PDB file of N, CA and C in Angstrom:
ATOM      1  N   MET A   1      11.649 -33.063  -9.812  1.00  0.00           N
ATOM      2  CA  MET A   1      12.131 -32.678  -8.505  1.00  0.00           C
ATOM      3  C   MET A   1      13.276 -31.694  -8.710  1.00  0.00           C
ATOM      4  N   ARG A   2      13.310 -30.642  -7.870  1.00  0.00           N
ATOM      5  CA  ARG A   2      14.437 -29.709  -7.935  1.00  0.00           C
ATOM      6  C   ARG A   2      15.171 -29.738  -6.610  1.00  0.00           C
ATOM      7  N   SER A   3      16.454 -29.453  -6.662  1.00  0.00           N
ATOM      8  CA  SER A   3      17.231 -29.449  -5.425  1.00  0.00           C
ATOM      9  C   SER A   3      17.311 -28.044  -4.883  1.00  0.00           C
ATOM     10  N   GLY A   4      17.963 -27.911  -3.742  1.00  0.00           N
ATOM     11  CA  GLY A   4      18.128 -26.597  -3.141  1.00  0.00           C
ATOM     12  C   GLY A   4      17.007 -26.227  -2.209  1.00  0.00           C
ATOM     13  N   GLY A   5      16.285 -27.204  -1.723  1.00  0.00           N
ATOM     14  CA  GLY A   5      15.194 -26.933  -0.799  1.00  0.00           C
ATOM     15  C   GLY A   5      15.705 -26.571   0.572  1.00  0.00           C
ATOM     16  N   ARG A   6      14.788 -26.409   1.485  1.00  0.00           N
ATOM     17  CA  ARG A   6      15.142 -26.084   2.845  1.00  0.00           C
ATOM     18  C   ARG A   6      16.077 -27.150   3.405  1.00  0.00           C
ATOM     19  N   GLU A   7      17.087 -26.692   4.108  1.00  0.00           N
ATOM     20  CA  GLU A   7      18.026 -27.574   4.800  1.00  0.00           C
ATOM     21  C   GLU A   7      18.675 -28.572   3.858  1.00  0.00           C
ATOM     22  N   GLY A   8      18.857 -28.206   2.575  1.00  0.00           N
ATOM     23  CA  GLY A   8      19.588 -29.020   1.632  1.00  0.00           C
ATOM     24  C   GLY A   8      18.843 -30.236   1.101  1.00  0.00           C
ATOM     25  N   ARG A   9      17.596 -30.397   1.445  1.00  0.00           N
ATOM     26  CA  ARG A   9      16.869 -31.565   0.940  1.00  0.00           C
ATOM     27  C   ARG A   9      16.237 -31.242  -0.407  1.00  0.00           C
ATOM     28  N   ALA A  10      15.950 -32.270  -1.168  1.00  0.00           N
ATOM     29  CA  ALA A  10      15.308 -32.081  -2.468  1.00  0.00           C
ATOM     30  C   ALA A  10      13.871 -31.622  -2.258  1.00  0.00           C
ATOM     31  N   VAL A  11      13.400 -30.771  -3.135  1.00  0.00           N
ATOM     32  CA  VAL A  11      12.037 -30.261  -3.054  1.00  0.00           C
ATOM     33  C   VAL A  11      11.248 -30.827  -4.227  1.00  0.00           C
ATOM     34  N   THR A  12      10.155 -31.487  -3.928  1.00  0.00           N
ATOM     35  CA  THR A  12       9.313 -32.047  -4.974  1.00  0.00           C
ATOM     36  C   THR A  12       8.125 -31.139  -5.210  1.00  0.00           C
ATOM     37  N   GLY A  13       7.417 -31.381  -6.283  1.00  0.00           N
ATOM     38  CA  GLY A  13       6.202 -30.629  -6.552  1.00  0.00           C
ATOM     39  C   GLY A  13       5.204 -30.784  -5.417  1.00  0.00           C
ATOM     40  N   ARG A  14       5.176 -31.960  -4.819  1.00  0.00           N
ATOM     41  CA  ARG A  14       4.269 -32.224  -3.686  1.00  0.00           C
ATOM     42  C   ARG A  14       4.640 -31.355  -2.495  1.00  0.00           C
ATOM     43  N   ASP A  15       5.962 -31.213  -2.214  1.00  0.00           N
ATOM     44  CA  ASP A  15       6.420 -30.358  -1.113  1.00  0.00           C
ATOM     45  C   ASP A  15       5.971 -28.920  -1.345  1.00  0.00           C
ATOM     46  N   GLU A  16       6.140 -28.452  -2.561  1.00  0.00           N
ATOM     47  CA  GLU A  16       5.755 -27.076  -2.887  1.00  0.00           C
ATOM     48  C   GLU A  16       4.246 -26.891  -2.751  1.00  0.00           C
ATOM     49  N   GLU A  17       3.487 -27.916  -3.138  1.00  0.00           N
ATOM     50  CA  GLU A  17       2.028 -27.847  -3.015  1.00  0.00           C
ATOM     51  C   GLU A  17       1.615 -27.787  -1.548  1.00  0.00           C
ATOM     52  N   GLN A  18       2.250 -28.593  -0.706  1.00  0.00           N
ATOM     53  CA  GLN A  18       1.931 -28.585   0.722  1.00  0.00           C
ATOM     54  C   GLN A  18       2.309 -27.249   1.348  1.00  0.00           C
ATOM     55  N   GLU A  19       3.443 -26.676   0.929  1.00  0.00           N
ATOM     56  CA  GLU A  19       3.867 -25.387   1.454  1.00  0.00           C
ATOM     57  C   GLU A  19       2.868 -24.307   1.054  1.00  0.00           C
ATOM     58  N   THR A  20       2.405 -24.349  -0.181  1.00  0.00           N
ATOM     59  CA  THR A  20       1.417 -23.375  -0.656  1.00  0.00           C
ATOM     60  C   THR A  20       0.107 -23.533   0.103  1.00  0.00           C
ATOM     61  N   ASP A  21      -0.316 -24.772   0.341  1.00  0.00           N
ATOM     62  CA  ASP A  21      -1.535 -25.014   1.114  1.00  0.00           C
ATOM     63  C   ASP A  21      -1.403 -24.442   2.519  1.00  0.00           C
ATOM     64  N   LYS A  22      -0.241 -24.643   3.152  1.00  0.00           N
ATOM     65  CA  LYS A  22      -0.025 -24.123   4.502  1.00  0.00           C
ATOM     66  C   LYS A  22      -0.035 -22.603   4.485  1.00  0.00           C
ATOM     67  N   GLN A  23       0.578 -21.995   3.471  1.00  0.00           N
ATOM     68  CA  GLN A  23       0.580 -20.537   3.354  1.00  0.00           C
ATOM     69  C   GLN A  23      -0.843 -20.009   3.257  1.00  0.00           C
ATOM     70  N   ASP A  24      -1.692 -20.690   2.484  1.00  0.00           N
ATOM     71  CA  ASP A  24      -3.085 -20.275   2.338  1.00  0.00           C
ATOM     72  C   ASP A  24      -3.833 -20.366   3.660  1.00  0.00           C
ATOM     73  N   VAL A  25      -3.626 -21.439   4.409  1.00  0.00           N
ATOM     74  CA  VAL A  25      -4.282 -21.613   5.708  1.00  0.00           C
ATOM     75  C   VAL A  25      -3.812 -20.530   6.682  1.00  0.00           C
ATOM     76  N   LEU A  26      -2.502 -20.259   6.704  1.00  0.00           N
ATOM     77  CA  LEU A  26      -1.977 -19.248   7.618  1.00  0.00           C
ATOM     78  C   LEU A  26      -2.481 -17.853   7.245  1.00  0.00           C
ATOM     79  N   SER A  27      -2.622 -17.596   5.968  1.00  0.00           N
ATOM     80  CA  SER A  27      -3.175 -16.319   5.524  1.00  0.00           C
ATOM     81  C   SER A  27      -4.614 -16.170   6.013  1.00  0.00           C
ATOM     82  N   GLU A  28      -5.363 -17.257   5.962  1.00  0.00           N
ATOM     83  CA  GLU A  28      -6.745 -17.233   6.446  1.00  0.00           C
ATOM     84  C   GLU A  28      -6.791 -17.025   7.959  1.00  0.00           C
ATOM     85  N   VAL A  29      -5.893 -17.682   8.689  1.00  0.00           N
ATOM     86  CA  VAL A  29      -5.814 -17.498  10.140  1.00  0.00           C
ATOM     87  C   VAL A  29      -5.527 -16.032  10.455  1.00  0.00           C
ATOM     88  N   ASN A  30      -4.571 -15.446   9.735  1.00  0.00           N
ATOM     89  CA  ASN A  30      -4.226 -14.044   9.970  1.00  0.00           C
ATOM     90  C   ASN A  30      -5.386 -13.115   9.635  1.00  0.00           C
ATOM     91  N   ALA A  31      -6.171 -13.456   8.630  1.00  0.00           N
ATOM     92  CA  ALA A  31      -7.346 -12.643   8.309  1.00  0.00           C
ATOM     93  C   ALA A  31      -8.337 -12.659   9.469  1.00  0.00           C
ATOM     94  N   HIS A  32      -8.457 -13.803  10.140  1.00  0.00           N
ATOM     95  CA  HIS A  32      -9.342 -13.894  11.310  1.00  0.00           C
ATOM     96  C   HIS A  32      -8.783 -13.088  12.481  1.00  0.00           C
ATOM     97  N   VAL A  33      -7.473 -13.130  12.673  1.00  0.00           N
ATOM     98  CA  VAL A  33      -6.839 -12.307  13.720  1.00  0.00           C
ATOM     99  C   VAL A  33      -7.130 -10.840  13.432  1.00  0.00           C
ATOM    100  N   HIS A  34      -6.979 -10.435  12.180  1.00  0.00           N
ATOM    101  CA  HIS A  34      -7.231  -9.052  11.768  1.00  0.00           C
ATOM    102  C   HIS A  34      -8.668  -8.642  12.087  1.00  0.00           C
ATOM    103  N   GLU A  35      -9.620  -9.475  11.728  1.00  0.00           N
ATOM    104  CA  GLU A  35     -11.032  -9.154  11.985  1.00  0.00           C
ATOM    105  C   GLU A  35     -11.312  -9.053  13.478  1.00  0.00           C
ATOM    106  N   ALA A  36     -10.769  -9.971  14.274  1.00  0.00           N
ATOM    107  CA  ALA A  36     -10.973  -9.915  15.725  1.00  0.00           C
ATOM    108  C   ALA A  36     -10.323  -8.667  16.315  1.00  0.00           C
ATOM    109  N   ALA A  37      -9.125  -8.338  15.861  1.00  0.00           N
ATOM    110  CA  ALA A  37      -8.426  -7.146  16.358  1.00  0.00           C
ATOM    111  C   ALA A  37      -9.202  -5.880  16.018  1.00  0.00           C
ATOM    112  N   LYS A  38      -9.790  -5.835  14.826  1.00  0.00           N
ATOM    113  CA  LYS A  38     -10.585  -4.668  14.431  1.00  0.00           C
ATOM    114  C   LYS A  38     -11.766  -4.478  15.374  1.00  0.00           C
ATOM    115  N   ARG A  39     -12.376  -5.574  15.818  1.00  0.00           N
ATOM    116  CA  ARG A  39     -13.500  -5.472  16.756  1.00  0.00           C
ATOM    117  C   ARG A  39     -13.044  -4.913  18.097  1.00  0.00           C
ATOM    118  N   PHE A  40     -11.857  -5.297  18.536  1.00  0.00           N
ATOM    119  CA  PHE A  40     -11.325  -4.794  19.799  1.00  0.00           C
ATOM    120  C   PHE A  40     -10.933  -3.335  19.705  1.00  0.00           C
ATOM    121  N   GLU A  41     -10.359  -2.936  18.575  1.00  0.00           N
ATOM    122  CA  GLU A  41      -9.858  -1.572  18.448  1.00  0.00           C
ATOM    123  C   GLU A  41     -10.929  -0.580  18.020  1.00  0.00           C
ATOM    124  N   GLY A  42     -12.026  -1.055  17.471  1.00  0.00           N
ATOM    125  CA  GLY A  42     -13.096  -0.153  17.074  1.00  0.00           C
ATOM    126  C   GLY A  42     -12.856   0.513  15.727  1.00  0.00           C
ATOM    127  N   VAL A  43     -13.470   1.657  15.540  1.00  0.00           N
ATOM    128  CA  VAL A  43     -13.470   2.341  14.256  1.00  0.00           C
ATOM    129  C   VAL A  43     -12.079   2.835  13.853  1.00  0.00           C
ATOM    130  N   GLU A  44     -11.356   3.427  14.782  1.00  0.00           N
ATOM    131  CA  GLU A  44     -10.036   3.973  14.468  1.00  0.00           C
ATOM    132  C   GLU A  44      -8.949   3.105  15.080  1.00  0.00           C
ATOM    133  N   PRO A  45      -8.238   2.346  14.240  1.00  0.00           N
ATOM    134  CA  PRO A  45      -7.176   1.496  14.773  1.00  0.00           C
ATOM    135  C   PRO A  45      -6.093   2.319  15.460  1.00  0.00           C
ATOM    136  N   GLY A  46      -5.646   1.826  16.588  1.00  0.00           N
ATOM    137  CA  GLY A  46      -4.587   2.497  17.325  1.00  0.00           C
ATOM    138  C   GLY A  46      -3.229   1.924  16.977  1.00  0.00           C
ATOM    139  N   GLU A  47      -2.314   2.109  17.867  1.00  0.00           N
ATOM    140  CA  GLU A  47      -0.960   1.613  17.655  1.00  0.00           C
ATOM    141  C   GLU A  47      -0.705   0.297  18.387  1.00  0.00           C
ATOM    142  N   ASP A  48      -1.798  -0.364  18.818  1.00  0.00           N
ATOM    143  CA  ASP A  48      -1.628  -1.676  19.448  1.00  0.00           C
ATOM    144  C   ASP A  48      -1.014  -2.627  18.440  1.00  0.00           C
ATOM    145  N   ARG A  49      -0.143  -3.505  18.935  1.00  0.00           N
ATOM    146  CA  ARG A  49       0.479  -4.493  18.066  1.00  0.00           C
ATOM    147  C   ARG A  49      -0.228  -5.828  18.288  1.00  0.00           C
ATOM    148  N   TRP A  50      -0.417  -6.543  17.208  1.00  0.00           N
ATOM    149  CA  TRP A  50      -1.090  -7.836  17.230  1.00  0.00           C
ATOM    150  C   TRP A  50      -0.143  -8.873  16.673  1.00  0.00           C
ATOM    151  N   ASP A  51      -0.206 -10.088  17.224  1.00  0.00           N
ATOM    152  CA  ASP A  51       0.665 -11.166  16.756  1.00  0.00           C
ATOM    153  C   ASP A  51      -0.014 -11.937  15.634  1.00  0.00           C
ATOM    154  N   PHE A  52       0.598 -11.853  14.462  1.00  0.00           N
ATOM    155  CA  PHE A  52       0.160 -12.608  13.295  1.00  0.00           C
ATOM    156  C   PHE A  52       1.146 -13.752  13.083  1.00  0.00           C
ATOM    157  N   THR A  53       0.707 -14.797  12.418  1.00  0.00           N
ATOM    158  CA  THR A  53       1.543 -15.970  12.182  1.00  0.00           C
ATOM    159  C   THR A  53       2.335 -15.807  10.890  1.00  0.00           C
ATOM    160  N   CYS A  54       3.624 -16.171  10.941  1.00  0.00           N
ATOM    161  CA  CYS A  54       4.457 -16.131   9.742  1.00  0.00           C
ATOM    162  C   CYS A  54       3.840 -17.048   8.683  1.00  0.00           C
ATOM    163  N   GLU A  55       3.737 -16.546   7.473  1.00  0.00           N
ATOM    164  CA  GLU A  55       3.103 -17.281   6.374  1.00  0.00           C
ATOM    165  C   GLU A  55       4.116 -17.884   5.403  1.00  0.00           C
ATOM    166  N   CYS A  56       5.337 -18.175   5.888  1.00  0.00           N
ATOM    167  CA  CYS A  56       6.359 -18.700   4.984  1.00  0.00           C
ATOM    168  C   CYS A  56       6.005 -20.101   4.484  1.00  0.00           C
ATOM    169  N   GLY A  57       5.247 -20.856   5.268  1.00  0.00           N
ATOM    170  CA  GLY A  57       4.838 -22.194   4.850  1.00  0.00           C
ATOM    171  C   GLY A  57       5.800 -23.294   5.233  1.00  0.00           C
ATOM    172  N   ALA A  58       6.930 -22.948   5.849  1.00  0.00           N
ATOM    173  CA  ALA A  58       7.881 -23.984   6.287  1.00  0.00           C
ATOM    174  C   ALA A  58       7.212 -24.860   7.344  1.00  0.00           C
ATOM    175  N   PRO A  59       7.343 -26.167   7.214  1.00  0.00           N
ATOM    176  CA  PRO A  59       6.654 -27.081   8.142  1.00  0.00           C
ATOM    177  C   PRO A  59       6.959 -26.832   9.609  1.00  0.00           C
ATOM    178  N   ASP A  60       8.173 -26.397   9.927  1.00  0.00           N
ATOM    179  CA  ASP A  60       8.564 -26.228  11.326  1.00  0.00           C
ATOM    180  C   ASP A  60       8.474 -24.783  11.823  1.00  0.00           C
ATOM    181  N   CYS A  61       8.014 -23.856  11.010  1.00  0.00           N
ATOM    182  CA  CYS A  61       7.945 -22.452  11.421  1.00  0.00           C
ATOM    183  C   CYS A  61       6.711 -22.203  12.288  1.00  0.00           C
ATOM    184  N   ARG A  62       6.954 -21.641  13.463  1.00  0.00           N
ATOM    185  CA  ARG A  62       5.875 -21.270  14.386  1.00  0.00           C
ATOM    186  C   ARG A  62       6.065 -19.835  14.872  1.00  0.00           C
ATOM    187  N   LEU A  63       6.786 -19.024  14.092  1.00  0.00           N
ATOM    188  CA  LEU A  63       7.085 -17.660  14.502  1.00  0.00           C
ATOM    189  C   LEU A  63       5.881 -16.744  14.331  1.00  0.00           C
ATOM    190  N   THR A  64       5.849 -15.707  15.148  1.00  0.00           N
ATOM    191  CA  THR A  64       4.819 -14.693  15.013  1.00  0.00           C
ATOM    192  C   THR A  64       5.465 -13.387  14.570  1.00  0.00           C
ATOM    193  N   VAL A  65       4.650 -12.546  13.971  1.00  0.00           N
ATOM    194  CA  VAL A  65       5.085 -11.240  13.497  1.00  0.00           C
ATOM    195  C   VAL A  65       4.164 -10.215  14.142  1.00  0.00           C
ATOM    196  N   SER A  66       4.735  -9.303  14.912  1.00  0.00           N
ATOM    197  CA  SER A  66       3.963  -8.300  15.629  1.00  0.00           C
ATOM    198  C   SER A  66       3.751  -7.080  14.734  1.00  0.00           C
ATOM    199  N   LEU A  67       2.487  -6.791  14.417  1.00  0.00           N
ATOM    200  CA  LEU A  67       2.140  -5.687  13.521  1.00  0.00           C
ATOM    201  C   LEU A  67       0.966  -4.892  14.078  1.00  0.00           C
ATOM    202  N   THR A  68       0.919  -3.605  13.751  1.00  0.00           N
ATOM    203  CA  THR A  68      -0.294  -2.834  14.005  1.00  0.00           C
ATOM    204  C   THR A  68      -1.283  -3.186  12.886  1.00  0.00           C
ATOM    205  N   LEU A  69      -2.539  -2.849  13.092  1.00  0.00           N
ATOM    206  CA  LEU A  69      -3.518  -3.123  12.033  1.00  0.00           C
ATOM    207  C   LEU A  69      -3.191  -2.367  10.742  1.00  0.00           C
ATOM    208  N   PRO A  70      -2.792  -1.073  10.816  1.00  0.00           N
ATOM    209  CA  PRO A  70      -2.418  -0.399   9.568  1.00  0.00           C
ATOM    210  C   PRO A  70      -1.228  -1.068   8.850  1.00  0.00           C
ATOM    211  N   GLU A  71      -0.263  -1.591   9.606  1.00  0.00           N
ATOM    212  CA  GLU A  71       0.870  -2.288   8.983  1.00  0.00           C
ATOM    213  C   GLU A  71       0.401  -3.563   8.286  1.00  0.00           C
ATOM    214  N   TYR A  72      -0.473  -4.329   8.951  1.00  0.00           N
ATOM    215  CA  TYR A  72      -1.011  -5.550   8.352  1.00  0.00           C
ATOM    216  C   TYR A  72      -1.800  -5.212   7.080  1.00  0.00           C
ATOM    217  N   GLU A  73      -2.663  -4.211   7.185  1.00  0.00           N
ATOM    218  CA  GLU A  73      -3.501  -3.825   6.044  1.00  0.00           C
ATOM    219  C   GLU A  73      -2.659  -3.338   4.869  1.00  0.00           C
ATOM    220  N   ALA A  74      -1.569  -2.635   5.144  1.00  0.00           N
ATOM    221  CA  ALA A  74      -0.682  -2.162   4.074  1.00  0.00           C
ATOM    222  C   ALA A  74      -0.019  -3.340   3.356  1.00  0.00           C
ATOM    223  N   ARG A  75       0.381  -4.359   4.111  1.00  0.00           N
ATOM    224  CA  ARG A  75       0.972  -5.549   3.486  1.00  0.00           C
ATOM    225  C   ARG A  75      -0.036  -6.227   2.574  1.00  0.00           C
ATOM    226  N   ARG A  76      -1.250  -6.387   3.067  1.00  0.00           N
ATOM    227  CA  ARG A  76      -2.275  -7.053   2.266  1.00  0.00           C
ATOM    228  C   ARG A  76      -2.617  -6.240   1.011  1.00  0.00           C
ATOM    229  N   ALA A  77      -2.714  -4.924   1.173  1.00  0.00           N
ATOM    230  CA  ALA A  77      -3.037  -4.060   0.032  1.00  0.00           C
ATOM    231  C   ALA A  77      -1.953  -4.137  -1.044  1.00  0.00           C
ATOM    232  N   ALA A  78      -0.715  -4.379  -0.630  1.00  0.00           N
ATOM    233  CA  ALA A  78       0.404  -4.487  -1.570  1.00  0.00           C
ATOM    234  C   ALA A  78       0.569  -5.919  -2.092  1.00  0.00           C
ATOM    235  N   GLY A  79      -0.323  -6.821  -1.650  1.00  0.00           N
ATOM    236  CA  GLY A  79      -0.248  -8.225  -2.097  1.00  0.00           C
ATOM    237  C   GLY A  79       0.891  -9.003  -1.462  1.00  0.00           C
ATOM    238  N   ARG A  80       1.358  -8.540  -0.303  1.00  0.00           N
ATOM    239  CA  ARG A  80       2.465  -9.195   0.381  1.00  0.00           C
ATOM    240  C   ARG A  80       1.972 -10.084   1.514  1.00  0.00           C
ATOM    241  N   ARG A  81       2.716 -11.161   1.750  1.00  0.00           N
ATOM    242  CA  ARG A  81       2.412 -12.052   2.863  1.00  0.00           C
ATOM    243  C   ARG A  81       3.036 -11.522   4.149  1.00  0.00           C
ATOM    244  N   VAL A  82       2.569 -12.021   5.274  1.00  0.00           N
ATOM    245  CA  VAL A  82       3.160 -11.724   6.579  1.00  0.00           C
ATOM    246  C   VAL A  82       4.311 -12.709   6.763  1.00  0.00           C
ATOM    247  N   LEU A  83       5.519 -12.182   6.861  1.00  0.00           N
ATOM    248  CA  LEU A  83       6.694 -13.032   6.991  1.00  0.00           C
ATOM    249  C   LEU A  83       7.589 -12.552   8.120  1.00  0.00           C
ATOM    250  N   ALA A  84       8.122 -13.500   8.877  1.00  0.00           N
ATOM    251  CA  ALA A  84       9.112 -13.176   9.904  1.00  0.00           C
ATOM    252  C   ALA A  84      10.399 -12.750   9.191  1.00  0.00           C
ATOM    253  N   PRO A  85      11.213 -11.928   9.846  1.00  0.00           N
ATOM    254  CA  PRO A  85      12.473 -11.512   9.223  1.00  0.00           C
ATOM    255  C   PRO A  85      13.298 -12.704   8.745  1.00  0.00           C
ATOM    256  N   GLY A  86      13.790 -12.621   7.514  1.00  0.00           N
ATOM    257  CA  GLY A  86      14.601 -13.679   6.938  1.00  0.00           C
ATOM    258  C   GLY A  86      13.828 -14.824   6.317  1.00  0.00           C
ATOM    259  N   HIS A  87      12.509 -14.806   6.409  1.00  0.00           N
ATOM    260  CA  HIS A  87      11.691 -15.877   5.829  1.00  0.00           C
ATOM    261  C   HIS A  87      11.161 -15.437   4.471  1.00  0.00           C
ATOM    262  N   ASN A  88      10.899 -16.424   3.616  1.00  0.00           N
ATOM    263  CA  ASN A  88      10.340 -16.116   2.302  1.00  0.00           C
ATOM    264  C   ASN A  88       9.359 -17.165   1.861  1.00  0.00           C
TER     265      ASN A  88
END
């Protein structure tokens, strides 16, 4: 177990595993949002903003991140997660 977790509580390997699992699920949800948005926008994505879910994995995080499709695609191409400001 290591200390220094969220809100000063100890973080166990199990906590980290659950956070990683949640991050994976949220990434999959965002991929579905992306696919649905692409169908609405058609061949050439516009500047419409879409609400994606923050993928930080914190149990209590329910924030959304507003991105255009090109912004979302650039994050994915760079191997980056969708994160609300200040989240990691």
